[in-house]
Amino acid sequence: MEKINDKERKPLIEEDDEIVTMTYEDGTTEDFFCIAELDYEGKWYAYLQPVEETEDFTDDEVLIYEIGEDENGDEIFLPVEDDELLDKLVEELNSTIDEEPEDAE
């Protein structure tokens, strides 16, 4: 299941050990686990889950953003608003997860 950012904000990317801190235009910040970055049809997408539990998200929901650049060349996350594309991106993530070999212990 996917959920898109319904806010009209374009956050900057700051990554540290698989945690992405999004800083919004209004100065607020929010931390997310970056669970995957995948190339789909020539564009890169980030799959994020909130670090802190909130009422807005269930455990199986992810935010999906296109990774883009602003006018200064800095990376930003752009909300994906096309429902068909979101479905394809979720399928892509699921197929990638299914293809990963299991670690032998």
PDB file of N, CA and C in Angstrom:
ATOM      1  N   MET A   1       0.846  -1.164   0.000  1.00  0.00           N
ATOM      2  CA  MET A   1       0.000   0.000   0.000  1.00  0.00           C
ATOM      3  C   MET A   1       0.897   1.234   0.000  1.00  0.00           C
ATOM      4  N   GLU A   2       0.531   2.263  -0.728  1.00  0.00           N
ATOM      5  CA  GLU A   2       1.340   3.454  -0.797  1.00  0.00           C
ATOM      6  C   GLU A   2       0.551   4.667  -0.348  1.00  0.00           C
ATOM      7  N   LYS A   3       1.277   5.674   0.010  1.00  0.00           N
ATOM      8  CA  LYS A   3       0.650   6.931   0.396  1.00  0.00           C
ATOM      9  C   LYS A   3       1.545   8.038  -0.128  1.00  0.00           C
ATOM     10  N   ILE A   4       0.957   9.034  -0.716  1.00  0.00           N
ATOM     11  CA  ILE A   4       1.762  10.123  -1.232  1.00  0.00           C
ATOM     12  C   ILE A   4       1.642  11.313  -0.295  1.00  0.00           C
ATOM     13  N   ASN A   5       2.615  12.166  -0.378  1.00  0.00           N
ATOM     14  CA  ASN A   5       2.612  13.362   0.439  1.00  0.00           C
ATOM     15  C   ASN A   5       1.552  14.311  -0.105  1.00  0.00           C
ATOM     16  N   ASP A   6       0.557  14.606   0.716  1.00  0.00           N
ATOM     17  CA  ASP A   6      -0.521  15.473   0.256  1.00  0.00           C
ATOM     18  C   ASP A   6      -0.222  16.946   0.525  1.00  0.00           C
ATOM     19  N   LYS A   7       0.961  17.225   1.040  1.00  0.00           N
ATOM     20  CA  LYS A   7       1.349  18.605   1.308  1.00  0.00           C
ATOM     21  C   LYS A   7       2.081  19.148   0.086  1.00  0.00           C
ATOM     22  N   GLU A   8       1.900  20.402  -0.204  1.00  0.00           N
ATOM     23  CA  GLU A   8       2.572  21.029  -1.334  1.00  0.00           C
ATOM     24  C   GLU A   8       3.933  21.545  -0.872  1.00  0.00           C
ATOM     25  N   ARG A   9       4.811  20.614  -0.487  1.00  0.00           N
ATOM     26  CA  ARG A   9       6.124  20.991  -0.005  1.00  0.00           C
ATOM     27  C   ARG A   9       7.160  20.154  -0.726  1.00  0.00           C
ATOM     28  N   LYS A  10       8.299  20.743  -1.029  1.00  0.00           N
ATOM     29  CA  LYS A  10       9.386  20.025  -1.666  1.00  0.00           C
ATOM     30  C   LYS A  10      10.572  20.025  -0.697  1.00  0.00           C
ATOM     31  N   PRO A  11      10.792  18.925   0.009  1.00  0.00           N
ATOM     32  CA  PRO A  11      11.864  18.886   0.991  1.00  0.00           C
ATOM     33  C   PRO A  11      13.233  18.639   0.371  1.00  0.00           C
ATOM     34  N   LEU A  12      14.286  19.113   1.046  1.00  0.00           N
ATOM     35  CA  LEU A  12      15.655  18.800   0.674  1.00  0.00           C
ATOM     36  C   LEU A  12      16.021  17.456   1.261  1.00  0.00           C
ATOM     37  N   ILE A  13      16.970  16.780   0.656  1.00  0.00           N
ATOM     38  CA  ILE A  13      17.398  15.474   1.119  1.00  0.00           C
ATOM     39  C   ILE A  13      18.661  15.625   1.966  1.00  0.00           C
ATOM     40  N   GLU A  14      18.661  15.049   3.151  1.00  0.00           N
ATOM     41  CA  GLU A  14      19.852  14.926   3.974  1.00  0.00           C
ATOM     42  C   GLU A  14      19.887  13.486   4.460  1.00  0.00           C
ATOM     43  N   GLU A  15      20.852  12.702   3.959  1.00  0.00           N
ATOM     44  CA  GLU A  15      20.880  11.288   4.299  1.00  0.00           C
ATOM     45  C   GLU A  15      21.990  10.994   5.300  1.00  0.00           C
ATOM     46  N   ASP A  16      21.713  10.094   6.242  1.00  0.00           N
ATOM     47  CA  ASP A  16      22.698   9.642   7.212  1.00  0.00           C
ATOM     48  C   ASP A  16      22.288   8.268   7.704  1.00  0.00           C
ATOM     49  N   ASP A  17      23.057   7.236   7.318  1.00  0.00           N
ATOM     50  CA  ASP A  17      22.779   5.874   7.765  1.00  0.00           C
ATOM     51  C   ASP A  17      21.338   5.445   7.508  1.00  0.00           C
ATOM     52  N   GLU A  18      20.890   5.571   6.290  1.00  0.00           N
ATOM     53  CA  GLU A  18      19.562   5.124   5.889  1.00  0.00           C
ATOM     54  C   GLU A  18      18.420   5.946   6.497  1.00  0.00           C
ATOM     55  N   ILE A  19      18.722   7.036   7.160  1.00  0.00           N
ATOM     56  CA  ILE A  19      17.686   7.941   7.679  1.00  0.00           C
ATOM     57  C   ILE A  19      17.717   9.193   6.811  1.00  0.00           C
ATOM     58  N   VAL A  20      16.569   9.590   6.356  1.00  0.00           N
ATOM     59  CA  VAL A  20      16.448  10.806   5.568  1.00  0.00           C
ATOM     60  C   VAL A  20      15.700  11.823   6.420  1.00  0.00           C
ATOM     61  N   THR A  21      16.322  12.987   6.621  1.00  0.00           N
ATOM     62  CA  THR A  21      15.667  14.072   7.327  1.00  0.00           C
ATOM     63  C   THR A  21      15.163  15.047   6.285  1.00  0.00           C
ATOM     64  N   MET A  22      13.858  15.195   6.223  1.00  0.00           N
ATOM     65  CA  MET A  22      13.274  16.112   5.255  1.00  0.00           C
ATOM     66  C   MET A  22      13.024  17.438   5.953  1.00  0.00           C
ATOM     67  N   THR A  23      13.564  18.500   5.348  1.00  0.00           N
ATOM     68  CA  THR A  23      13.366  19.852   5.851  1.00  0.00           C
ATOM     69  C   THR A  23      12.429  20.555   4.888  1.00  0.00           C
ATOM     70  N   TYR A  24      11.277  20.947   5.412  1.00  0.00           N
ATOM     71  CA  TYR A  24      10.267  21.567   4.570  1.00  0.00           C
ATOM     72  C   TYR A  24      10.476  23.070   4.479  1.00  0.00           C
ATOM     73  N   GLU A  25       9.818  23.679   3.508  1.00  0.00           N
ATOM     74  CA  GLU A  25       9.942  25.117   3.280  1.00  0.00           C
ATOM     75  C   GLU A  25       9.567  25.939   4.506  1.00  0.00           C
ATOM     76  N   ASP A  26       8.675  25.417   5.358  1.00  0.00           N
ATOM     77  CA  ASP A  26       8.277  26.153   6.559  1.00  0.00           C
ATOM     78  C   ASP A  26       9.245  25.942   7.723  1.00  0.00           C
ATOM     79  N   GLY A  27      10.343  25.179   7.474  1.00  0.00           N
ATOM     80  CA  GLY A  27      11.370  24.988   8.500  1.00  0.00           C
ATOM     81  C   GLY A  27      11.190  23.743   9.359  1.00  0.00           C
ATOM     82  N   THR A  28      10.052  23.066   9.263  1.00  0.00           N
ATOM     83  CA  THR A  28       9.848  21.855  10.052  1.00  0.00           C
ATOM     84  C   THR A  28      10.636  20.702   9.437  1.00  0.00           C
ATOM     85  N   THR A  29      10.974  19.721  10.286  1.00  0.00           N
ATOM     86  CA  THR A  29      11.708  18.554   9.809  1.00  0.00           C
ATOM     87  C   THR A  29      10.982  17.286  10.205  1.00  0.00           C
ATOM     88  N   GLU A  30      11.276  16.215   9.468  1.00  0.00           N
ATOM     89  CA  GLU A  30      10.676  14.914   9.742  1.00  0.00           C
ATOM     90  C   GLU A  30      11.677  13.845   9.300  1.00  0.00           C
ATOM     91  N   ASP A  31      11.865  12.800  10.123  1.00  0.00           N
ATOM     92  CA  ASP A  31      12.806  11.730   9.806  1.00  0.00           C
ATOM     93  C   ASP A  31      12.093  10.525   9.230  1.00  0.00           C
ATOM     94  N   PHE A  32      12.721   9.924   8.215  1.00  0.00           N
ATOM     95  CA  PHE A  32      12.189   8.745   7.547  1.00  0.00           C
ATOM     96  C   PHE A  32      13.308   7.734   7.341  1.00  0.00           C
ATOM     97  N   PHE A  33      12.948   6.441   7.394  1.00  0.00           N
ATOM     98  CA  PHE A  33      13.855   5.400   6.951  1.00  0.00           C
ATOM     99  C   PHE A  33      13.764   5.343   5.439  1.00  0.00           C
ATOM    100  N   CYS A  34      14.903   5.341   4.766  1.00  0.00           N
ATOM    101  CA  CYS A  34      14.920   5.147   3.323  1.00  0.00           C
ATOM    102  C   CYS A  34      15.037   3.646   3.102  1.00  0.00           C
ATOM    103  N   ILE A  35      13.911   3.004   2.790  1.00  0.00           N
ATOM    104  CA  ILE A  35      13.912   1.544   2.669  1.00  0.00           C
ATOM    105  C   ILE A  35      14.381   1.081   1.300  1.00  0.00           C
ATOM    106  N   ALA A  36      14.354   1.973   0.305  1.00  0.00           N
ATOM    107  CA  ALA A  36      14.838   1.613  -1.035  1.00  0.00           C
ATOM    108  C   ALA A  36      14.960   2.861  -1.898  1.00  0.00           C
ATOM    109  N   GLU A  37      15.882   2.794  -2.855  1.00  0.00           N
ATOM    110  CA  GLU A  37      15.980   3.764  -3.942  1.00  0.00           C
ATOM    111  C   GLU A  37      16.065   2.940  -5.214  1.00  0.00           C
ATOM    112  N   LEU A  38      15.109   3.119  -6.098  1.00  0.00           N
ATOM    113  CA  LEU A  38      15.048   2.307  -7.312  1.00  0.00           C
ATOM    114  C   LEU A  38      14.945   3.174  -8.558  1.00  0.00           C
ATOM    115  N   ASP A  39      15.568   2.676  -9.631  1.00  0.00           N
ATOM    116  CA  ASP A  39      15.477   3.301 -10.946  1.00  0.00           C
ATOM    117  C   ASP A  39      14.287   2.682 -11.664  1.00  0.00           C
ATOM    118  N   TYR A  40      13.366   3.518 -12.117  1.00  0.00           N
ATOM    119  CA  TYR A  40      12.208   3.040 -12.865  1.00  0.00           C
ATOM    120  C   TYR A  40      12.024   3.943 -14.072  1.00  0.00           C
ATOM    121  N   GLU A  41      12.162   3.364 -15.250  1.00  0.00           N
ATOM    122  CA  GLU A  41      12.000   4.069 -16.523  1.00  0.00           C
ATOM    123  C   GLU A  41      12.838   5.350 -16.577  1.00  0.00           C
ATOM    124  N   GLY A  42      14.094   5.236 -16.131  1.00  0.00           N
ATOM    125  CA  GLY A  42      15.032   6.344 -16.256  1.00  0.00           C
ATOM    126  C   GLY A  42      14.967   7.398 -15.169  1.00  0.00           C
ATOM    127  N   LYS A  43      14.118   7.211 -14.178  1.00  0.00           N
ATOM    128  CA  LYS A  43      14.036   8.152 -13.061  1.00  0.00           C
ATOM    129  C   LYS A  43      14.264   7.383 -11.770  1.00  0.00           C
ATOM    130  N   TRP A  44      14.847   8.072 -10.777  1.00  0.00           N
ATOM    131  CA  TRP A  44      15.096   7.446  -9.477  1.00  0.00           C
ATOM    132  C   TRP A  44      13.991   7.821  -8.506  1.00  0.00           C
ATOM    133  N   TYR A  45      13.590   6.833  -7.705  1.00  0.00           N
ATOM    134  CA  TYR A  45      12.533   7.022  -6.723  1.00  0.00           C
ATOM    135  C   TYR A  45      13.015   6.536  -5.358  1.00  0.00           C
ATOM    136  N   ALA A  46      12.613   7.261  -4.318  1.00  0.00           N
ATOM    137  CA  ALA A  46      12.936   6.894  -2.941  1.00  0.00           C
ATOM    138  C   ALA A  46      11.670   6.412  -2.258  1.00  0.00           C
ATOM    139  N   TYR A  47      11.814   5.335  -1.491  1.00  0.00           N
ATOM    140  CA  TYR A  47      10.708   4.737  -0.742  1.00  0.00           C
ATOM    141  C   TYR A  47      10.985   4.986   0.738  1.00  0.00           C
ATOM    142  N   LEU A  48      10.110   5.702   1.399  1.00  0.00           N
ATOM    143  CA  LEU A  48      10.348   6.139   2.770  1.00  0.00           C
ATOM    144  C   LEU A  48       9.259   5.670   3.722  1.00  0.00           C
ATOM    145  N   GLN A  49       9.675   5.376   4.962  1.00  0.00           N
ATOM    146  CA  GLN A  49       8.736   5.096   6.041  1.00  0.00           C
ATOM    147  C   GLN A  49       9.131   5.963   7.224  1.00  0.00           C
ATOM    148  N   PRO A  50       8.157   6.519   7.954  1.00  0.00           N
ATOM    149  CA  PRO A  50       8.483   7.397   9.077  1.00  0.00           C
ATOM    150  C   PRO A  50       9.237   6.654  10.177  1.00  0.00           C
ATOM    151  N   VAL A  51      10.188   7.359  10.791  1.00  0.00           N
ATOM    152  CA  VAL A  51      10.954   6.794  11.906  1.00  0.00           C
ATOM    153  C   VAL A  51      10.057   6.656  13.127  1.00  0.00           C
ATOM    154  N   GLU A  52       9.294   7.702  13.403  1.00  0.00           N
ATOM    155  CA  GLU A  52       8.389   7.675  14.550  1.00  0.00           C
ATOM    156  C   GLU A  52       6.990   7.276  14.098  1.00  0.00           C
ATOM    157  N   GLU A  53       6.342   6.434  14.900  1.00  0.00           N
ATOM    158  CA  GLU A  53       4.978   6.017  14.577  1.00  0.00           C
ATOM    159  C   GLU A  53       4.041   7.216  14.635  1.00  0.00           C
ATOM    160  N   THR A  54       3.136   7.266  13.669  1.00  0.00           N
ATOM    161  CA  THR A  54       2.126   8.319  13.651  1.00  0.00           C
ATOM    162  C   THR A  54       0.788   7.694  13.304  1.00  0.00           C
ATOM    163  N   GLU A  55      -0.259   8.412  13.590  1.00  0.00           N
ATOM    164  CA  GLU A  55      -1.600   7.946  13.244  1.00  0.00           C
ATOM    165  C   GLU A  55      -1.846   8.009  11.738  1.00  0.00           C
ATOM    166  N   ASP A  56      -1.018   8.790  11.025  1.00  0.00           N
ATOM    167  CA  ASP A  56      -1.202   8.982   9.586  1.00  0.00           C
ATOM    168  C   ASP A  56      -0.743   7.792   8.754  1.00  0.00           C
ATOM    169  N   PHE A  57       0.085   6.910   9.336  1.00  0.00           N
ATOM    170  CA  PHE A  57       0.669   5.806   8.578  1.00  0.00           C
ATOM    171  C   PHE A  57       0.426   4.481   9.267  1.00  0.00           C
ATOM    172  N   THR A  58       0.188   3.455   8.455  1.00  0.00           N
ATOM    173  CA  THR A  58       0.172   2.088   8.966  1.00  0.00           C
ATOM    174  C   THR A  58       1.526   1.471   8.630  1.00  0.00           C
ATOM    175  N   ASP A  59       1.823   0.313   9.216  1.00  0.00           N
ATOM    176  CA  ASP A  59       3.129  -0.318   9.039  1.00  0.00           C
ATOM    177  C   ASP A  59       3.456  -0.648   7.591  1.00  0.00           C
ATOM    178  N   ASP A  60       2.446  -0.905   6.766  1.00  0.00           N
ATOM    179  CA  ASP A  60       2.709  -1.311   5.391  1.00  0.00           C
ATOM    180  C   ASP A  60       2.661  -0.152   4.393  1.00  0.00           C
ATOM    181  N   GLU A  61       2.539   1.065   4.863  1.00  0.00           N
ATOM    182  CA  GLU A  61       2.501   2.212   3.958  1.00  0.00           C
ATOM    183  C   GLU A  61       3.896   2.801   3.781  1.00  0.00           C
ATOM    184  N   VAL A  62       4.137   3.285   2.576  1.00  0.00           N
ATOM    185  CA  VAL A  62       5.380   3.988   2.282  1.00  0.00           C
ATOM    186  C   VAL A  62       5.061   5.264   1.525  1.00  0.00           C
ATOM    187  N   LEU A  63       5.944   6.222   1.655  1.00  0.00           N
ATOM    188  CA  LEU A  63       5.886   7.423   0.835  1.00  0.00           C
ATOM    189  C   LEU A  63       6.840   7.202  -0.320  1.00  0.00           C
ATOM    190  N   ILE A  64       6.423   7.549  -1.511  1.00  0.00           N
ATOM    191  CA  ILE A  64       7.277   7.384  -2.681  1.00  0.00           C
ATOM    192  C   ILE A  64       7.497   8.762  -3.297  1.00  0.00           C
ATOM    193  N   TYR A  65       8.773   9.099  -3.470  1.00  0.00           N
ATOM    194  CA  TYR A  65       9.139  10.379  -4.062  1.00  0.00           C
ATOM    195  C   TYR A  65      10.066  10.158  -5.243  1.00  0.00           C
ATOM    196  N   GLU A  66       9.925  10.992  -6.265  1.00  0.00           N
ATOM    197  CA  GLU A  66      10.916  11.043  -7.326  1.00  0.00           C
ATOM    198  C   GLU A  66      12.082  11.873  -6.810  1.00  0.00           C
ATOM    199  N   ILE A  67      13.286  11.404  -7.059  1.00  0.00           N
ATOM    200  CA  ILE A  67      14.471  12.163  -6.657  1.00  0.00           C
ATOM    201  C   ILE A  67      14.817  13.100  -7.807  1.00  0.00           C
ATOM    202  N   GLY A  68      14.776  14.388  -7.532  1.00  0.00           N
ATOM    203  CA  GLY A  68      15.052  15.389  -8.554  1.00  0.00           C
ATOM    204  C   GLY A  68      16.089  16.386  -8.075  1.00  0.00           C
ATOM    205  N   GLU A  69      16.238  17.462  -8.824  1.00  0.00           N
ATOM    206  CA  GLU A  69      17.164  18.529  -8.457  1.00  0.00           C
ATOM    207  C   GLU A  69      16.452  19.866  -8.518  1.00  0.00           C
ATOM    208  N   ASP A  70      16.846  20.759  -7.603  1.00  0.00           N
ATOM    209  CA  ASP A  70      16.306  22.111  -7.652  1.00  0.00           C
ATOM    210  C   ASP A  70      17.177  22.966  -8.568  1.00  0.00           C
ATOM    211  N   GLU A  71      16.884  24.254  -8.652  1.00  0.00           N
ATOM    212  CA  GLU A  71      17.603  25.140  -9.556  1.00  0.00           C
ATOM    213  C   GLU A  71      19.073  25.300  -9.183  1.00  0.00           C
ATOM    214  N   ASN A  72      19.463  24.955  -7.943  1.00  0.00           N
ATOM    215  CA  ASN A  72      20.854  25.042  -7.499  1.00  0.00           C
ATOM    216  C   ASN A  72      21.600  23.722  -7.671  1.00  0.00           C
ATOM    217  N   GLY A  73      20.919  22.701  -8.183  1.00  0.00           N
ATOM    218  CA  GLY A  73      21.546  21.401  -8.349  1.00  0.00           C
ATOM    219  C   GLY A  73      21.482  20.526  -7.110  1.00  0.00           C
ATOM    220  N   ASP A  74      20.781  20.984  -6.063  1.00  0.00           N
ATOM    221  CA  ASP A  74      20.612  20.187  -4.850  1.00  0.00           C
ATOM    222  C   ASP A  74      19.504  19.165  -5.068  1.00  0.00           C
ATOM    223  N   GLU A  75      19.699  17.964  -4.474  1.00  0.00           N
ATOM    224  CA  GLU A  75      18.672  16.935  -4.593  1.00  0.00           C
ATOM    225  C   GLU A  75      17.452  17.297  -3.754  1.00  0.00           C
ATOM    226  N   ILE A  76      16.282  17.037  -4.331  1.00  0.00           N
ATOM    227  CA  ILE A  76      15.014  17.229  -3.624  1.00  0.00           C
ATOM    228  C   ILE A  76      14.118  16.037  -3.911  1.00  0.00           C
ATOM    229  N   PHE A  77      13.132  15.845  -3.048  1.00  0.00           N
ATOM    230  CA  PHE A  77      12.115  14.826  -3.273  1.00  0.00           C
ATOM    231  C   PHE A  77      10.890  15.499  -3.869  1.00  0.00           C
ATOM    232  N   LEU A  78      10.406  14.937  -4.959  1.00  0.00           N
ATOM    233  CA  LEU A  78       9.209  15.452  -5.613  1.00  0.00           C
ATOM    234  C   LEU A  78       8.084  14.442  -5.423  1.00  0.00           C
ATOM    235  N   PRO A  79       6.937  14.867  -4.896  1.00  0.00           N
ATOM    236  CA  PRO A  79       5.832  13.926  -4.677  1.00  0.00           C
ATOM    237  C   PRO A  79       5.375  13.284  -5.985  1.00  0.00           C
ATOM    238  N   VAL A  80       5.077  11.994  -5.926  1.00  0.00           N
ATOM    239  CA  VAL A  80       4.513  11.281  -7.073  1.00  0.00           C
ATOM    240  C   VAL A  80       3.005  11.306  -6.888  1.00  0.00           C
ATOM    241  N   GLU A  81       2.297  11.924  -7.821  1.00  0.00           N
ATOM    242  CA  GLU A  81       0.860  12.121  -7.658  1.00  0.00           C
ATOM    243  C   GLU A  81       0.013  11.281  -8.606  1.00  0.00           C
ATOM    244  N   ASP A  82       0.650  10.596  -9.559  1.00  0.00           N
ATOM    245  CA  ASP A  82      -0.060   9.765 -10.526  1.00  0.00           C
ATOM    246  C   ASP A  82      -0.315   8.388  -9.903  1.00  0.00           C
ATOM    247  N   ASP A  83      -1.584   8.038  -9.691  1.00  0.00           N
ATOM    248  CA  ASP A  83      -1.935   6.778  -9.029  1.00  0.00           C
ATOM    249  C   ASP A  83      -1.452   5.555  -9.805  1.00  0.00           C
ATOM    250  N   GLU A  84      -1.522   5.598 -11.143  1.00  0.00           N
ATOM    251  CA  GLU A  84      -1.041   4.462 -11.941  1.00  0.00           C
ATOM    252  C   GLU A  84       0.461   4.276 -11.772  1.00  0.00           C
ATOM    253  N   LEU A  85       1.197   5.380 -11.782  1.00  0.00           N
ATOM    254  CA  LEU A  85       2.642   5.309 -11.585  1.00  0.00           C
ATOM    255  C   LEU A  85       2.957   4.789 -10.188  1.00  0.00           C
ATOM    256  N   LEU A  86       2.225   5.254  -9.185  1.00  0.00           N
ATOM    257  CA  LEU A  86       2.440   4.758  -7.825  1.00  0.00           C
ATOM    258  C   LEU A  86       2.250   3.249  -7.741  1.00  0.00           C
ATOM    259  N   ASP A  87       1.200   2.740  -8.382  1.00  0.00           N
ATOM    260  CA  ASP A  87       0.971   1.291  -8.391  1.00  0.00           C
ATOM    261  C   ASP A  87       2.146   0.554  -9.031  1.00  0.00           C
ATOM    262  N   LYS A  88       2.665   1.086 -10.138  1.00  0.00           N
ATOM    263  CA  LYS A  88       3.801   0.454 -10.821  1.00  0.00           C
ATOM    264  C   LYS A  88       5.051   0.505  -9.948  1.00  0.00           C
ATOM    265  N   LEU A  89       5.245   1.614  -9.237  1.00  0.00           N
ATOM    266  CA  LEU A  89       6.414   1.739  -8.372  1.00  0.00           C
ATOM    267  C   LEU A  89       6.338   0.771  -7.191  1.00  0.00           C
ATOM    268  N   VAL A  90       5.146   0.550  -6.662  1.00  0.00           N
ATOM    269  CA  VAL A  90       4.970  -0.426  -5.587  1.00  0.00           C
ATOM    270  C   VAL A  90       5.251  -1.825  -6.117  1.00  0.00           C
ATOM    271  N   GLU A  91       4.761  -2.140  -7.307  1.00  0.00           N
ATOM    272  CA  GLU A  91       5.039  -3.436  -7.926  1.00  0.00           C
ATOM    273  C   GLU A  91       6.540  -3.627  -8.132  1.00  0.00           C
ATOM    274  N   GLU A  92       7.219  -2.579  -8.571  1.00  0.00           N
ATOM    275  CA  GLU A  92       8.670  -2.634  -8.785  1.00  0.00           C
ATOM    276  C   GLU A  92       9.400  -2.925  -7.474  1.00  0.00           C
ATOM    277  N   LEU A  93       9.000  -2.265  -6.402  1.00  0.00           N
ATOM    278  CA  LEU A  93       9.606  -2.517  -5.094  1.00  0.00           C
ATOM    279  C   LEU A  93       9.356  -3.953  -4.657  1.00  0.00           C
ATOM    280  N   ASN A  94       8.125  -4.411  -4.790  1.00  0.00           N
ATOM    281  CA  ASN A  94       7.786  -5.779  -4.388  1.00  0.00           C
ATOM    282  C   ASN A  94       8.573  -6.812  -5.196  1.00  0.00           C
ATOM    283  N   SER A  95       8.724  -6.602  -6.502  1.00  0.00           N
ATOM    284  CA  SER A  95       9.476  -7.561  -7.313  1.00  0.00           C
ATOM    285  C   SER A  95      10.957  -7.530  -6.958  1.00  0.00           C
ATOM    286  N   THR A  96      11.479  -6.357  -6.613  1.00  0.00           N
ATOM    287  CA  THR A  96      12.882  -6.253  -6.197  1.00  0.00           C
ATOM    288  C   THR A  96      13.100  -6.981  -4.883  1.00  0.00           C
ATOM    289  N   ILE A  97      12.184  -6.823  -3.952  1.00  0.00           N
ATOM    290  CA  ILE A  97      12.283  -7.507  -2.664  1.00  0.00           C
ATOM    291  C   ILE A  97      12.206  -9.017  -2.859  1.00  0.00           C
ATOM    292  N   ASP A  98      11.313  -9.466  -3.727  1.00  0.00           N
ATOM    293  CA  ASP A  98      11.151 -10.896  -3.996  1.00  0.00           C
ATOM    294  C   ASP A  98      12.391 -11.505  -4.634  1.00  0.00           C
ATOM    295  N   GLU A  99      13.152 -10.705  -5.392  1.00  0.00           N
ATOM    296  CA  GLU A  99      14.339 -11.204  -6.083  1.00  0.00           C
ATOM    297  C   GLU A  99      15.568 -11.255  -5.201  1.00  0.00           C
ATOM    298  N   GLU A 100      15.589 -10.540  -4.071  1.00  0.00           N
ATOM    299  CA  GLU A 100      16.765 -10.506  -3.211  1.00  0.00           C
ATOM    300  C   GLU A 100      17.014 -11.882  -2.603  1.00  0.00           C
ATOM    301  N   PRO A 101      18.284 -12.342  -2.677  1.00  0.00           N
ATOM    302  CA  PRO A 101      18.586 -13.648  -2.077  1.00  0.00           C
ATOM    303  C   PRO A 101      18.530 -13.567  -0.558  1.00  0.00           C
ATOM    304  N   GLU A 102      18.062 -14.651   0.043  1.00  0.00           N
ATOM    305  CA  GLU A 102      18.004 -14.708   1.510  1.00  0.00           C
ATOM    306  C   GLU A 102      19.400 -14.988   2.028  1.00  0.00           C
ATOM    307  N   ASP A 103      19.756 -14.346   3.146  1.00  0.00           N
ATOM    308  CA  ASP A 103      21.065 -14.565   3.749  1.00  0.00           C
ATOM    309  C   ASP A 103      21.125 -15.943   4.379  1.00  0.00           C
ATOM    310  N   ALA A 104      22.175 -16.677   4.081  1.00  0.00           N
ATOM    311  CA  ALA A 104      22.380 -17.999   4.694  1.00  0.00           C
ATOM    312  C   ALA A 104      23.141 -17.799   5.987  1.00  0.00           C
ATOM    313  N   GLU A 105      22.720 -18.464   7.014  1.00  0.00           N
ATOM    314  CA  GLU A 105      23.381 -18.304   8.301  1.00  0.00           C
ATOM    315  C   GLU A 105      24.134 -19.519   8.668  1.00  0.00           C
TER     316      GLU A 105
END
